[in-house]
């Protein structure tokens, strides 16, 4: 009896995970391809942004972009806007992160995935950049 109950529970967990994975990826797919993504970082000056190491965690919702180290980080928070291909999303890590921190609305990109940086939002406004970068 105990083994049968464990099997039922295992089937339920697998089905539940599959449904949640499908829901998260459908949410992501709703943003289209290519994806417009946002990432908040803290910098002393936007000239100091390393466009070859932008970081793997992004969000397709600008309002959700924030620097998790905002209080202790140096400099001013800015938001980078970039465009990336959907195929460069690390789906496994994205689903795992979304399940753990659903309010973050984060997408994890594959290491060194290419992006096209459109610009940087600062306190003074949007600064166009238009250059290649990597996460």
Foldseek 3Di string as FASTA:
>chain_A
DVVVVVVVVVVVVVVVLVVLLVVLVVVVCVCPFFAKWKEKDFDQDPVPQAQAPNFFKTASDHVLHDDPCVVPDDHFIKMWIKTAGPVQWPSVVQSVVCVVPVSSRITGGHFFGKIFTQFMQDPVGTDGDGGIGTD
